[in-house]
Amino acid sequence: MANHPRLHGVVIDVPRADHTRAVEFWSAALGREPVVSDKYPDYAQFEDATPGCYLLVQATGDTTSRVHVDFATEDRDAELVRLGRIGATEVTREPRWGVMRDPAGHPFCLCPVDGCVG
């Protein structure tokens, strides 16, 4: 049986200018502080926002906000191919993750099981 990806996290993409405000909002809403590393200050991660699933507030260069989901997989490259065969479109392949769009155009990421940022 194939090792299908599992939901790993929900990512709120916000314009860089709104990042601090968005992180403050989600911190107050969830009642906890995010994990932010010095190496990746554009990523504020709230571990286990739901058991086994993180909420990440990510600063982007885009001017619009959106939400996308991250999936964990044991074999990112094989999943990029498999999901492409069933209707997803590959957008980009980074060293640790791949970005795809489902048939309706919604973006999602495929990450290793230890997370996209490492």
C-alpha atoms as a PDB file:
ATOM      1  CA  MET A   1       0.000   0.000   0.000  1.00  0.00           C
ATOM      2  CA  ALA A   2       1.292   3.478  -0.871  1.00  0.00           C
ATOM      3  CA  ASN A   3       2.418   5.845   1.851  1.00  0.00           C
ATOM      4  CA  HIS A   4       0.093   8.785   1.163  1.00  0.00           C
ATOM      5  CA  PRO A   5       0.842  12.240   2.558  1.00  0.00           C
ATOM      6  CA  ARG A   6      -0.823  13.380   5.772  1.00  0.00           C
ATOM      7  CA  LEU A   7      -1.978  16.841   6.769  1.00  0.00           C
ATOM      8  CA  HIS A   8       0.968  18.435   8.567  1.00  0.00           C
ATOM      9  CA  GLY A   9       0.080  22.104   8.920  1.00  0.00           C
ATOM     10  CA  VAL A  10      -2.022  25.061   7.936  1.00  0.00           C
ATOM     11  CA  VAL A  11      -0.111  28.075   6.636  1.00  0.00           C
ATOM     12  CA  ILE A  12      -1.387  31.632   6.655  1.00  0.00           C
ATOM     13  CA  ASP A  13       0.533  33.573   4.000  1.00  0.00           C
ATOM     14  CA  VAL A  14       0.549  37.315   4.657  1.00  0.00           C
ATOM     15  CA  PRO A  15       2.316  40.268   3.059  1.00  0.00           C
ATOM     16  CA  ARG A  16       5.540  41.050   4.919  1.00  0.00           C
ATOM     17  CA  ALA A  17       4.121  44.413   6.067  1.00  0.00           C
ATOM     18  CA  ASP A  18       1.274  42.599   7.879  1.00  0.00           C
ATOM     19  CA  HIS A  19       3.338  39.771   9.382  1.00  0.00           C
ATOM     20  CA  THR A  20       3.908  41.211  12.875  1.00  0.00           C
ATOM     21  CA  ARG A  21       0.234  42.119  13.281  1.00  0.00           C
ATOM     22  CA  ALA A  22      -0.887  38.711  12.043  1.00  0.00           C
ATOM     23  CA  VAL A  23       1.495  36.874  14.389  1.00  0.00           C
ATOM     24  CA  GLU A  24       0.316  38.987  17.336  1.00  0.00           C
ATOM     25  CA  PHE A  25      -3.310  38.239  16.448  1.00  0.00           C
ATOM     26  CA  TRP A  26      -2.833  34.472  16.166  1.00  0.00           C
ATOM     27  CA  SER A  27      -0.716  34.415  19.319  1.00  0.00           C
ATOM     28  CA  ALA A  28      -3.542  36.098  21.263  1.00  0.00           C
ATOM     29  CA  ALA A  29      -6.202  33.943  19.582  1.00  0.00           C
ATOM     30  CA  LEU A  30      -4.395  30.689  20.405  1.00  0.00           C
ATOM     31  CA  GLY A  31      -3.105  31.833  23.801  1.00  0.00           C
ATOM     32  CA  ARG A  32       0.506  30.881  23.071  1.00  0.00           C
ATOM     33  CA  GLU A  33       3.719  32.212  21.639  1.00  0.00           C
ATOM     34  CA  PRO A  34       5.022  30.944  18.301  1.00  0.00           C
ATOM     35  CA  VAL A  35       8.399  29.398  17.639  1.00  0.00           C
ATOM     36  CA  VAL A  36      10.463  31.781  15.485  1.00  0.00           C
ATOM     37  CA  SER A  37      14.067  30.985  14.638  1.00  0.00           C
ATOM     38  CA  ASP A  38      16.750  33.580  13.993  1.00  0.00           C
ATOM     39  CA  LYS A  39      17.505  31.802  10.708  1.00  0.00           C
ATOM     40  CA  TYR A  40      13.872  32.010   9.463  1.00  0.00           C
ATOM     41  CA  PRO A  41      12.239  35.120  10.985  1.00  0.00           C
ATOM     42  CA  ASP A  42       9.488  35.133   8.337  1.00  0.00           C
ATOM     43  CA  TYR A  43       8.027  31.910   9.799  1.00  0.00           C
ATOM     44  CA  ALA A  44       6.108  32.012  13.104  1.00  0.00           C
ATOM     45  CA  GLN A  45       5.027  28.466  13.936  1.00  0.00           C
ATOM     46  CA  PHE A  46       2.451  27.515  16.537  1.00  0.00           C
ATOM     47  CA  GLU A  47       3.165  23.854  17.291  1.00  0.00           C
ATOM     48  CA  ASP A  48       0.208  21.524  17.823  1.00  0.00           C
ATOM     49  CA  ALA A  49      -2.448  24.175  17.173  1.00  0.00           C
ATOM     50  CA  THR A  50      -4.467  20.996  16.734  1.00  0.00           C
ATOM     51  CA  PRO A  51      -2.740  17.819  17.961  1.00  0.00           C
ATOM     52  CA  GLY A  52      -0.213  16.800  15.313  1.00  0.00           C
ATOM     53  CA  CYS A  53      -0.840  19.868  13.145  1.00  0.00           C
ATOM     54  CA  TYR A  54       0.878  23.248  13.279  1.00  0.00           C
ATOM     55  CA  LEU A  55      -0.347  26.697  12.318  1.00  0.00           C
ATOM     56  CA  LEU A  56       2.308  28.760  10.566  1.00  0.00           C
ATOM     57  CA  VAL A  57       2.088  32.493   9.868  1.00  0.00           C
ATOM     58  CA  GLN A  58       4.436  33.130   6.955  1.00  0.00           C
ATOM     59  CA  ALA A  59       5.562  36.490   5.581  1.00  0.00           C
ATOM     60  CA  THR A  60       5.620  36.541   1.790  1.00  0.00           C
ATOM     61  CA  GLY A  61       6.516  39.040  -0.868  1.00  0.00           C
ATOM     62  CA  ASP A  62       2.964  38.805  -2.193  1.00  0.00           C
ATOM     63  CA  THR A  63       0.518  41.640  -1.727  1.00  0.00           C
ATOM     64  CA  THR A  64      -2.409  39.319  -0.967  1.00  0.00           C
ATOM     65  CA  SER A  65      -3.145  36.993   1.924  1.00  0.00           C
ATOM     66  CA  ARG A  66      -4.157  33.378   1.520  1.00  0.00           C
ATOM     67  CA  VAL A  67      -4.179  30.085   3.365  1.00  0.00           C
ATOM     68  CA  HIS A  68      -2.579  26.886   2.142  1.00  0.00           C
ATOM     69  CA  VAL A  69      -1.954  23.476   3.675  1.00  0.00           C
ATOM     70  CA  ASP A  70       1.275  21.531   4.139  1.00  0.00           C
ATOM     71  CA  PHE A  71       1.357  17.767   3.800  1.00  0.00           C
ATOM     72  CA  ALA A  72       4.082  15.527   5.239  1.00  0.00           C
ATOM     73  CA  THR A  73       5.373  12.722   3.062  1.00  0.00           C
ATOM     74  CA  GLU A  74       8.114  10.115   3.242  1.00  0.00           C
ATOM     75  CA  ASP A  75       8.977  10.590  -0.458  1.00  0.00           C
ATOM     76  CA  ARG A  76       8.315  14.101  -1.729  1.00  0.00           C
ATOM     77  CA  ASP A  77       9.495  13.489  -5.284  1.00  0.00           C
ATOM     78  CA  ALA A  78       7.349  10.377  -5.720  1.00  0.00           C
ATOM     79  CA  GLU A  79       4.315  12.263  -4.369  1.00  0.00           C
ATOM     80  CA  LEU A  80       4.918  15.183  -6.736  1.00  0.00           C
ATOM     81  CA  VAL A  81       4.764  12.711  -9.605  1.00  0.00           C
ATOM     82  CA  ARG A  82       1.798  10.725  -8.229  1.00  0.00           C
ATOM     83  CA  LEU A  83      -0.296  13.808  -7.464  1.00  0.00           C
ATOM     84  CA  GLY A  84       0.568  15.240 -10.882  1.00  0.00           C
ATOM     85  CA  ARG A  85      -0.817  12.095 -12.507  1.00  0.00           C
ATOM     86  CA  ILE A  86      -4.146  12.547 -10.708  1.00  0.00           C
ATOM     87  CA  GLY A  87      -4.599  16.231 -11.569  1.00  0.00           C
ATOM     88  CA  ALA A  88      -2.306  18.465  -9.492  1.00  0.00           C
ATOM     89  CA  THR A  89       0.115  20.878 -11.158  1.00  0.00           C
ATOM     90  CA  GLU A  90       3.656  21.309  -9.898  1.00  0.00           C
ATOM     91  CA  VAL A  91       4.515  24.971  -9.276  1.00  0.00           C
ATOM     92  CA  THR A  92       8.042  24.729  -7.864  1.00  0.00           C
ATOM     93  CA  ARG A  93      10.441  22.241  -6.314  1.00  0.00           C
ATOM     94  CA  GLU A  94      12.623  23.596  -3.520  1.00  0.00           C
ATOM     95  CA  PRO A  95      15.387  21.655  -1.741  1.00  0.00           C
ATOM     96  CA  ARG A  96      13.053  20.617   1.137  1.00  0.00           C
ATOM     97  CA  TRP A  97       9.539  21.001  -0.260  1.00  0.00           C
ATOM     98  CA  GLY A  98       7.444  21.114  -3.382  1.00  0.00           C
ATOM     99  CA  VAL A  99       4.578  23.457  -4.155  1.00  0.00           C
ATOM    100  CA  MET A 100       1.595  22.220  -6.157  1.00  0.00           C
ATOM    101  CA  ARG A 101      -1.909  23.378  -7.059  1.00  0.00           C
ATOM    102  CA  ASP A 102      -4.934  21.110  -6.936  1.00  0.00           C
ATOM    103  CA  PRO A 103      -7.203  20.951 -10.007  1.00  0.00           C
ATOM    104  CA  ALA A 104      -9.173  23.983  -8.731  1.00  0.00           C
ATOM    105  CA  GLY A 105      -5.982  26.035  -8.320  1.00  0.00           C
ATOM    106  CA  HIS A 106      -5.541  25.849  -4.522  1.00  0.00           C
ATOM    107  CA  PRO A 107      -1.865  25.779  -3.500  1.00  0.00           C
ATOM    108  CA  PHE A 108      -0.425  23.158  -1.152  1.00  0.00           C
ATOM    109  CA  CYS A 109       3.063  22.040  -0.144  1.00  0.00           C
ATOM    110  CA  LEU A 110       4.630  18.609   0.179  1.00  0.00           C
ATOM    111  CA  CYS A 111       7.189  18.533   2.992  1.00  0.00           C
ATOM    112  CA  PRO A 112       9.390  15.903   4.613  1.00  0.00           C
ATOM    113  CA  VAL A 113       8.003  14.432   7.820  1.00  0.00           C
ATOM    114  CA  ASP A 114      10.362  16.623   9.900  1.00  0.00           C
ATOM    115  CA  GLY A 115       8.851  19.791   8.378  1.00  0.00           C
ATOM    116  CA  CYS A 116       9.389  22.117   5.456  1.00  0.00           C
ATOM    117  CA  VAL A 117      11.794  24.442   7.245  1.00  0.00           C
ATOM    118  CA  GLY A 118      14.885  22.783   8.532  1.00  0.00           C
END
